[in-house]
């Protein structure tokens, strides 16, 4: 099951997988893909726990956040100028 929310040029994707291992696999693929564009001046933040993993990066004028809780993956890649708005939305959603 997938949902996409879009507003003012910001798109957030939320996908529910049948099992957490599938969400984790896709999350790792997305992170690897974005890291291909990473510069040496990039800023990264990682946070993990028993059933979640949150990854954020700023590089090349973009902000990307990728958060997984159990079998749910939420993802957004946007221009850096939208970073604060996207972080607020993710925090409001509890991700």
Protein backbone atom coordinates (compact mmCIF):
# COMPACT_ATOMS: atom_id res chain seq x y z
CA UNK A 1 0.00 0.00 0.00
CA UNK A 2 1.42 3.39 -1.01
CA UNK A 3 0.36 6.97 -0.42
CA UNK A 4 1.81 10.16 -1.80
CA UNK A 5 1.20 13.61 -0.32
CA UNK A 6 2.24 16.67 -2.28
CA UNK A 7 2.18 20.38 -1.46
CA UNK A 8 4.15 23.37 -2.72
CA UNK A 9 6.66 21.24 -4.62
CA UNK A 10 7.28 18.84 -1.72
CA UNK A 11 6.31 15.20 -2.19
CA UNK A 12 6.24 12.69 0.66
CA UNK A 13 5.83 9.00 -0.05
CA UNK A 14 4.54 6.55 2.54
CA UNK A 15 4.60 2.84 1.77
CA UNK A 16 3.35 -0.03 3.92
CA UNK A 17 4.99 -3.37 3.15
CA UNK A 18 3.73 -6.80 4.13
CA UNK A 19 6.86 -7.37 6.24
CA UNK A 20 9.48 -5.13 7.85
CA UNK A 21 12.30 -6.86 5.94
CA UNK A 22 10.91 -5.56 2.64
CA UNK A 23 10.70 -2.00 3.96
CA UNK A 24 14.25 -2.29 5.25
CA UNK A 25 15.51 -3.56 1.87
CA UNK A 26 13.91 -0.67 -0.03
CA UNK A 27 15.15 1.82 2.55
CA UNK A 28 18.72 0.61 2.13
CA UNK A 29 18.42 0.84 -1.67
CA UNK A 30 17.10 4.41 -1.47
CA UNK A 31 19.90 5.47 0.90
CA UNK A 32 22.55 3.89 -1.34
CA UNK A 33 21.09 5.64 -4.38
CA UNK A 34 21.18 9.05 -2.75
CA UNK A 35 24.68 8.47 -1.39
CA UNK A 36 25.96 8.12 -4.95
CA UNK A 37 25.44 11.87 -5.27
CA UNK A 38 26.92 12.70 -1.84
CA UNK A 39 29.64 15.33 -1.70
CA UNK A 40 32.43 15.54 0.87
CA UNK A 41 30.66 18.50 2.51
CA UNK A 42 27.44 16.54 3.04
CA UNK A 43 25.67 16.54 6.41
CA UNK A 44 24.24 13.21 7.61
CA UNK A 45 22.22 12.14 10.62
CA UNK A 46 21.24 8.59 11.54
CA UNK A 47 19.04 7.34 14.36
CA UNK A 48 17.99 3.76 15.00
CA UNK A 49 16.22 1.63 17.53
CA UNK A 50 14.62 -1.74 17.92
CA UNK A 51 12.02 -1.28 15.18
CA UNK A 52 13.00 1.92 13.38
CA UNK A 53 15.73 3.59 11.36
CA UNK A 54 15.85 7.26 10.40
CA UNK A 55 18.34 8.68 7.92
CA UNK A 56 18.73 12.31 6.87
CA UNK A 57 21.23 13.89 4.51
CA UNK A 58 21.90 17.32 3.05
CA UNK A 59 24.01 17.34 -0.10
CA UNK A 60 24.17 19.18 -3.42
CA UNK A 61 21.35 21.57 -2.45
CA UNK A 62 18.96 18.74 -1.55
CA UNK A 63 17.54 17.38 1.67
CA UNK A 64 16.52 13.74 1.92
CA UNK A 65 14.84 11.99 4.82
CA UNK A 66 14.09 8.30 4.89
CA UNK A 67 12.39 6.79 7.94
CA UNK A 68 11.24 3.25 8.56
CA UNK A 69 9.13 2.07 11.48
CA UNK A 70 8.43 -1.66 11.36
CA UNK A 71 6.96 -2.28 7.90
CA UNK A 72 6.22 1.37 7.04
CA UNK A 73 8.65 3.49 5.04
CA UNK A 74 8.30 7.27 4.64
CA UNK A 75 10.57 9.10 2.23
CA UNK A 76 11.11 12.60 0.90
CA UNK A 77 13.76 14.16 -1.33
CA UNK A 78 13.39 17.89 -1.80
CA UNK A 79 15.27 21.13 -2.24
CA UNK A 80 17.21 22.23 0.82
CA UNK A 81 14.95 25.27 1.25
CA UNK A 82 12.10 22.86 2.24
CA UNK A 83 14.10 21.06 4.96
CA UNK A 84 12.47 22.69 8.00
CA UNK A 85 8.96 22.15 6.63
CA UNK A 86 9.61 18.48 5.84
CA UNK A 87 11.23 17.83 9.24
CA UNK A 88 8.20 19.38 10.94
CA UNK A 89 5.83 17.18 8.96
CA UNK A 90 7.76 14.01 9.76
CA UNK A 91 7.93 14.91 13.45
CA UNK A 92 4.20 15.69 13.49
CA UNK A 93 3.51 12.27 11.94
CA UNK A 94 5.71 10.63 14.58
CA UNK A 95 8.38 9.52 12.13
